[in-house]
Amino acid sequence: MPGSTAAIGVVAATAILATSLAALGGAAVVGQRLAAAADAGALAAADTASGAITGVPCERAAEVAAEFGAGLESCQLDELIATVTVTMPFAGLTARASARAGPPP
């Protein structure tokens, strides 16, 4: 009987560790996707504001963010500099990332 208890403990600890590592890996993937969505959205808004591409800057940022599965939370323009914040749900929480793009100083 003592061997069975130890085996159950080892299996339970392994399952908890595997679940934790899977959640951590999922969070890392969401973080990378979210950062990419924010970067691409800010670049799209800045390009649209400069006239390099047609459209409305913040609408273009929302379209690009949606391609990554993210939602546009805020979009601000200061002349040709765009600041974009995007969100994405993960594990019942809302993850957020921001990016800024525009011409060099």
N, C-alpha and C. Protein backbone atom coordinates (compact mmCIF):
# COMPACT_ATOMS: atom_id res chain seq x y z
N MET A 1 0.79 -1.20 0.00
CA MET A 1 0.00 0.00 0.00
C MET A 1 0.84 1.28 0.00
N PRO A 2 1.98 1.34 0.72
CA PRO A 2 2.76 2.57 0.69
C PRO A 2 3.28 2.90 -0.70
N GLY A 3 3.58 1.88 -1.52
CA GLY A 3 4.05 2.13 -2.88
C GLY A 3 2.96 2.75 -3.74
N SER A 4 1.72 2.34 -3.53
CA SER A 4 0.59 2.89 -4.29
C SER A 4 0.38 4.36 -3.97
N THR A 5 0.51 4.70 -2.71
CA THR A 5 0.33 6.10 -2.30
C THR A 5 1.43 6.97 -2.90
N ALA A 6 2.64 6.46 -2.90
CA ALA A 6 3.75 7.22 -3.48
C ALA A 6 3.56 7.38 -4.98
N ALA A 7 3.11 6.34 -5.65
CA ALA A 7 2.88 6.40 -7.10
C ALA A 7 1.80 7.41 -7.43
N ILE A 8 0.73 7.40 -6.65
CA ILE A 8 -0.36 8.37 -6.87
C ILE A 8 0.17 9.79 -6.67
N GLY A 9 1.01 10.00 -5.66
CA GLY A 9 1.59 11.32 -5.41
C GLY A 9 2.47 11.77 -6.56
N VAL A 10 3.27 10.87 -7.10
CA VAL A 10 4.16 11.21 -8.22
C VAL A 10 3.34 11.55 -9.47
N VAL A 11 2.31 10.76 -9.73
CA VAL A 11 1.46 11.02 -10.89
C VAL A 11 0.73 12.35 -10.74
N ALA A 12 0.23 12.63 -9.55
CA ALA A 12 -0.47 13.91 -9.32
C ALA A 12 0.48 15.08 -9.48
N ALA A 13 1.68 14.98 -8.95
CA ALA A 13 2.65 16.07 -9.07
C ALA A 13 3.04 16.28 -10.53
N THR A 14 3.21 15.20 -11.27
CA THR A 14 3.54 15.30 -12.70
C THR A 14 2.41 15.96 -13.48
N ALA A 15 1.17 15.60 -13.16
CA ALA A 15 0.02 16.20 -13.85
C ALA A 15 -0.08 17.69 -13.55
N ILE A 16 0.14 18.07 -12.31
CA ILE A 16 0.09 19.50 -11.95
C ILE A 16 1.20 20.27 -12.66
N LEU A 17 2.40 19.71 -12.71
CA LEU A 17 3.52 20.36 -13.39
C LEU A 17 3.25 20.49 -14.89
N ALA A 18 2.73 19.45 -15.51
CA ALA A 18 2.44 19.49 -16.95
C ALA A 18 1.37 20.53 -17.26
N THR A 19 0.33 20.59 -16.44
CA THR A 19 -0.73 21.57 -16.64
C THR A 19 -0.20 22.99 -16.48
N SER A 20 0.63 23.20 -15.49
CA SER A 20 1.22 24.53 -15.27
C SER A 20 2.10 24.95 -16.43
N LEU A 21 2.91 24.03 -16.92
CA LEU A 21 3.78 24.36 -18.06
C LEU A 21 2.99 24.63 -19.33
N ALA A 22 1.90 23.90 -19.53
CA ALA A 22 1.05 24.14 -20.70
C ALA A 22 0.41 25.52 -20.62
N ALA A 23 -0.05 25.91 -19.44
CA ALA A 23 -0.65 27.24 -19.27
C ALA A 23 0.39 28.33 -19.49
N LEU A 24 1.59 28.12 -19.00
CA LEU A 24 2.66 29.10 -19.18
C LEU A 24 3.04 29.22 -20.65
N GLY A 25 3.10 28.10 -21.36
CA GLY A 25 3.38 28.14 -22.79
C GLY A 25 2.29 28.85 -23.56
N GLY A 26 1.03 28.61 -23.18
CA GLY A 26 -0.09 29.30 -23.84
C GLY A 26 -0.03 30.80 -23.61
N ALA A 27 0.34 31.19 -22.40
CA ALA A 27 0.45 32.62 -22.10
C ALA A 27 1.56 33.27 -22.92
N ALA A 28 2.66 32.55 -23.12
CA ALA A 28 3.76 33.08 -23.92
C ALA A 28 3.33 33.26 -25.38
N VAL A 29 2.58 32.30 -25.90
CA VAL A 29 2.10 32.41 -27.29
C VAL A 29 1.15 33.60 -27.44
N VAL A 30 0.22 33.75 -26.50
CA VAL A 30 -0.72 34.87 -26.55
C VAL A 30 0.04 36.19 -26.44
N GLY A 31 1.04 36.25 -25.59
CA GLY A 31 1.83 37.47 -25.44
C GLY A 31 2.53 37.86 -26.73
N GLN A 32 3.09 36.88 -27.43
CA GLN A 32 3.77 37.17 -28.70
C GLN A 32 2.78 37.60 -29.78
N ARG A 33 1.63 36.92 -29.85
CA ARG A 33 0.60 37.30 -30.83
C ARG A 33 0.09 38.71 -30.55
N LEU A 34 -0.08 39.02 -29.28
CA LEU A 34 -0.61 40.32 -28.90
C LEU A 34 0.40 41.43 -29.22
N ALA A 35 1.67 41.18 -28.94
CA ALA A 35 2.70 42.17 -29.27
C ALA A 35 2.78 42.39 -30.78
N ALA A 36 2.68 41.32 -31.54
CA ALA A 36 2.71 41.44 -33.00
C ALA A 36 1.49 42.21 -33.50
N ALA A 37 0.33 41.97 -32.91
CA ALA A 37 -0.89 42.68 -33.31
C ALA A 37 -0.77 44.17 -33.01
N ALA A 38 -0.22 44.51 -31.85
CA ALA A 38 -0.05 45.92 -31.49
C ALA A 38 0.95 46.60 -32.43
N ASP A 39 2.06 45.94 -32.70
CA ASP A 39 3.07 46.51 -33.60
C ASP A 39 2.50 46.73 -35.00
N ALA A 40 1.87 45.70 -35.54
CA ALA A 40 1.32 45.80 -36.89
C ALA A 40 0.20 46.84 -36.96
N GLY A 41 -0.63 46.89 -35.94
CA GLY A 41 -1.71 47.88 -35.91
C GLY A 41 -1.18 49.30 -35.87
N ALA A 42 -0.15 49.53 -35.05
CA ALA A 42 0.44 50.87 -34.96
C ALA A 42 1.10 51.26 -36.28
N LEU A 43 1.79 50.32 -36.89
CA LEU A 43 2.41 50.62 -38.19
C LEU A 43 1.36 50.92 -39.25
N ALA A 44 0.28 50.16 -39.25
CA ALA A 44 -0.78 50.40 -40.24
C ALA A 44 -1.42 51.77 -40.03
N ALA A 45 -1.67 52.12 -38.78
CA ALA A 45 -2.27 53.43 -38.50
C ALA A 45 -1.32 54.56 -38.89
N ALA A 46 -0.03 54.41 -38.58
CA ALA A 46 0.94 55.45 -38.93
C ALA A 46 1.09 55.57 -40.45
N ASP A 47 1.12 54.44 -41.15
CA ASP A 47 1.21 54.49 -42.61
C ASP A 47 -0.02 55.15 -43.22
N THR A 48 -1.18 54.86 -42.66
CA THR A 48 -2.41 55.47 -43.18
C THR A 48 -2.43 56.97 -42.89
N ALA A 49 -1.97 57.36 -41.70
CA ALA A 49 -1.93 58.79 -41.34
C ALA A 49 -0.97 59.55 -42.25
N SER A 50 0.10 58.90 -42.67
CA SER A 50 1.08 59.58 -43.53
C SER A 50 0.65 59.62 -44.99
N GLY A 51 -0.38 58.85 -45.34
CA GLY A 51 -0.85 58.81 -46.71
C GLY A 51 -0.19 57.71 -47.54
N ALA A 52 0.65 56.89 -46.91
CA ALA A 52 1.30 55.80 -47.64
C ALA A 52 0.29 54.76 -48.10
N ILE A 53 -0.77 54.56 -47.32
CA ILE A 53 -1.87 53.69 -47.71
C ILE A 53 -3.18 54.43 -47.47
N THR A 54 -4.23 54.01 -48.15
CA THR A 54 -5.49 54.71 -48.05
C THR A 54 -6.32 54.18 -46.89
N GLY A 55 -7.24 55.01 -46.42
CA GLY A 55 -8.16 54.60 -45.38
C GLY A 55 -8.11 55.53 -44.19
N VAL A 56 -8.82 55.11 -43.14
CA VAL A 56 -8.86 55.84 -41.87
C VAL A 56 -7.88 55.13 -40.93
N PRO A 57 -6.94 55.86 -40.33
CA PRO A 57 -5.87 55.23 -39.56
C PRO A 57 -6.35 54.23 -38.50
N CYS A 58 -7.27 54.62 -37.64
CA CYS A 58 -7.68 53.73 -36.55
C CYS A 58 -8.52 52.56 -37.06
N GLU A 59 -9.27 52.78 -38.14
CA GLU A 59 -10.00 51.66 -38.73
C GLU A 59 -9.03 50.64 -39.31
N ARG A 60 -7.96 51.13 -39.94
CA ARG A 60 -6.95 50.24 -40.50
C ARG A 60 -6.25 49.46 -39.38
N ALA A 61 -5.97 50.13 -38.26
CA ALA A 61 -5.35 49.45 -37.12
C ALA A 61 -6.26 48.35 -36.57
N ALA A 62 -7.56 48.62 -36.52
CA ALA A 62 -8.51 47.62 -36.03
C ALA A 62 -8.56 46.41 -36.97
N GLU A 63 -8.52 46.67 -38.27
CA GLU A 63 -8.53 45.57 -39.24
C GLU A 63 -7.30 44.68 -39.09
N VAL A 64 -6.15 45.31 -38.94
CA VAL A 64 -4.90 44.55 -38.82
C VAL A 64 -4.89 43.77 -37.51
N ALA A 65 -5.31 44.39 -36.41
CA ALA A 65 -5.35 43.69 -35.12
C ALA A 65 -6.29 42.49 -35.17
N ALA A 66 -7.40 42.64 -35.87
CA ALA A 66 -8.36 41.54 -35.98
C ALA A 66 -7.76 40.35 -36.72
N GLU A 67 -6.84 40.61 -37.65
CA GLU A 67 -6.17 39.51 -38.36
C GLU A 67 -5.36 38.63 -37.40
N PHE A 68 -4.92 39.22 -36.29
CA PHE A 68 -4.18 38.47 -35.28
C PHE A 68 -5.09 37.89 -34.20
N GLY A 69 -6.39 38.17 -34.30
CA GLY A 69 -7.33 37.70 -33.29
C GLY A 69 -7.44 38.63 -32.10
N ALA A 70 -6.97 39.85 -32.24
CA ALA A 70 -7.00 40.83 -31.16
C ALA A 70 -8.05 41.89 -31.45
N GLY A 71 -8.48 42.57 -30.41
CA GLY A 71 -9.41 43.68 -30.55
C GLY A 71 -8.71 44.99 -30.26
N LEU A 72 -9.11 46.03 -30.95
CA LEU A 72 -8.52 47.35 -30.75
C LEU A 72 -9.18 48.00 -29.54
N GLU A 73 -8.39 48.30 -28.53
CA GLU A 73 -8.91 48.97 -27.33
C GLU A 73 -8.83 50.49 -27.48
N SER A 74 -7.68 50.97 -27.95
CA SER A 74 -7.55 52.41 -28.16
C SER A 74 -6.58 52.68 -29.30
N CYS A 75 -6.79 53.81 -29.94
CA CYS A 75 -5.94 54.25 -31.03
C CYS A 75 -5.86 55.77 -30.96
N GLN A 76 -4.65 56.28 -30.82
CA GLN A 76 -4.46 57.72 -30.72
C GLN A 76 -3.44 58.17 -31.76
N LEU A 77 -3.74 59.28 -32.37
CA LEU A 77 -2.81 59.85 -33.36
C LEU A 77 -2.33 61.21 -32.88
N ASP A 78 -1.02 61.41 -32.95
CA ASP A 78 -0.41 62.69 -32.67
C ASP A 78 0.37 63.05 -33.93
N GLU A 79 -0.29 63.76 -34.83
CA GLU A 79 0.20 64.03 -36.18
C GLU A 79 0.41 62.71 -36.90
N LEU A 80 1.66 62.29 -37.14
CA LEU A 80 1.91 61.05 -37.86
C LEU A 80 2.30 59.89 -36.94
N ILE A 81 2.27 60.11 -35.64
CA ILE A 81 2.65 59.08 -34.67
C ILE A 81 1.39 58.42 -34.13
N ALA A 82 1.32 57.10 -34.29
CA ALA A 82 0.15 56.34 -33.84
C ALA A 82 0.52 55.52 -32.61
N THR A 83 -0.36 55.55 -31.61
CA THR A 83 -0.22 54.71 -30.43
C THR A 83 -1.45 53.83 -30.37
N VAL A 84 -1.24 52.52 -30.37
CA VAL A 84 -2.33 51.55 -30.45
C VAL A 84 -2.25 50.61 -29.25
N THR A 85 -3.40 50.31 -28.66
CA THR A 85 -3.50 49.31 -27.59
C THR A 85 -4.50 48.26 -28.05
N VAL A 86 -4.09 47.00 -27.97
CA VAL A 86 -4.95 45.89 -28.38
C VAL A 86 -5.15 44.94 -27.21
N THR A 87 -6.25 44.17 -27.25
CA THR A 87 -6.55 43.21 -26.20
C THR A 87 -6.87 41.86 -26.81
N MET A 88 -6.70 40.83 -25.99
CA MET A 88 -7.02 39.47 -26.41
C MET A 88 -7.37 38.68 -25.14
N PRO A 89 -8.46 37.91 -25.19
CA PRO A 89 -8.79 37.11 -24.01
C PRO A 89 -7.87 35.90 -23.88
N PHE A 90 -7.54 35.55 -22.63
CA PHE A 90 -6.76 34.35 -22.35
C PHE A 90 -7.10 33.84 -20.96
N ALA A 91 -7.57 32.63 -20.89
CA ALA A 91 -7.86 31.96 -19.62
C ALA A 91 -8.78 32.78 -18.73
N GLY A 92 -9.79 33.38 -19.32
CA GLY A 92 -10.75 34.16 -18.54
C GLY A 92 -10.26 35.56 -18.19
N LEU A 93 -9.10 35.93 -18.63
CA LEU A 93 -8.55 37.26 -18.36
C LEU A 93 -8.40 38.02 -19.68
N THR A 94 -8.14 39.30 -19.58
CA THR A 94 -7.90 40.10 -20.77
C THR A 94 -6.45 40.54 -20.79
N ALA A 95 -5.73 40.12 -21.81
CA ALA A 95 -4.33 40.52 -21.98
C ALA A 95 -4.28 41.76 -22.85
N ARG A 96 -3.33 42.64 -22.59
CA ARG A 96 -3.23 43.92 -23.28
C ARG A 96 -1.80 44.17 -23.73
N ALA A 97 -1.66 44.83 -24.88
CA ALA A 97 -0.34 45.26 -25.36
C ALA A 97 -0.49 46.57 -26.10
N SER A 98 0.54 47.40 -26.03
CA SER A 98 0.54 48.70 -26.72
C SER A 98 1.78 48.82 -27.58
N ALA A 99 1.65 49.60 -28.63
CA ALA A 99 2.79 49.89 -29.50
C ALA A 99 2.64 51.28 -30.07
N ARG A 100 3.76 51.83 -30.46
CA ARG A 100 3.80 53.18 -31.02
C ARG A 100 4.61 53.14 -32.30
N ALA A 101 4.15 53.84 -33.33
CA ALA A 101 4.85 53.87 -34.61
C ALA A 101 4.71 55.23 -35.25
N GLY A 102 5.68 55.57 -36.03
CA GLY A 102 5.66 56.83 -36.76
C GLY A 102 7.00 57.09 -37.40
N PRO A 103 7.13 58.22 -38.06
CA PRO A 103 8.39 58.54 -38.72
C PRO A 103 9.50 58.81 -37.70
N PRO A 104 10.73 58.64 -38.10
CA PRO A 104 11.84 58.94 -37.15
C PRO A 104 11.88 60.43 -36.85
N PRO A 105 12.45 60.77 -35.70
CA PRO A 105 12.50 62.19 -35.31
C PRO A 105 13.38 63.01 -36.24
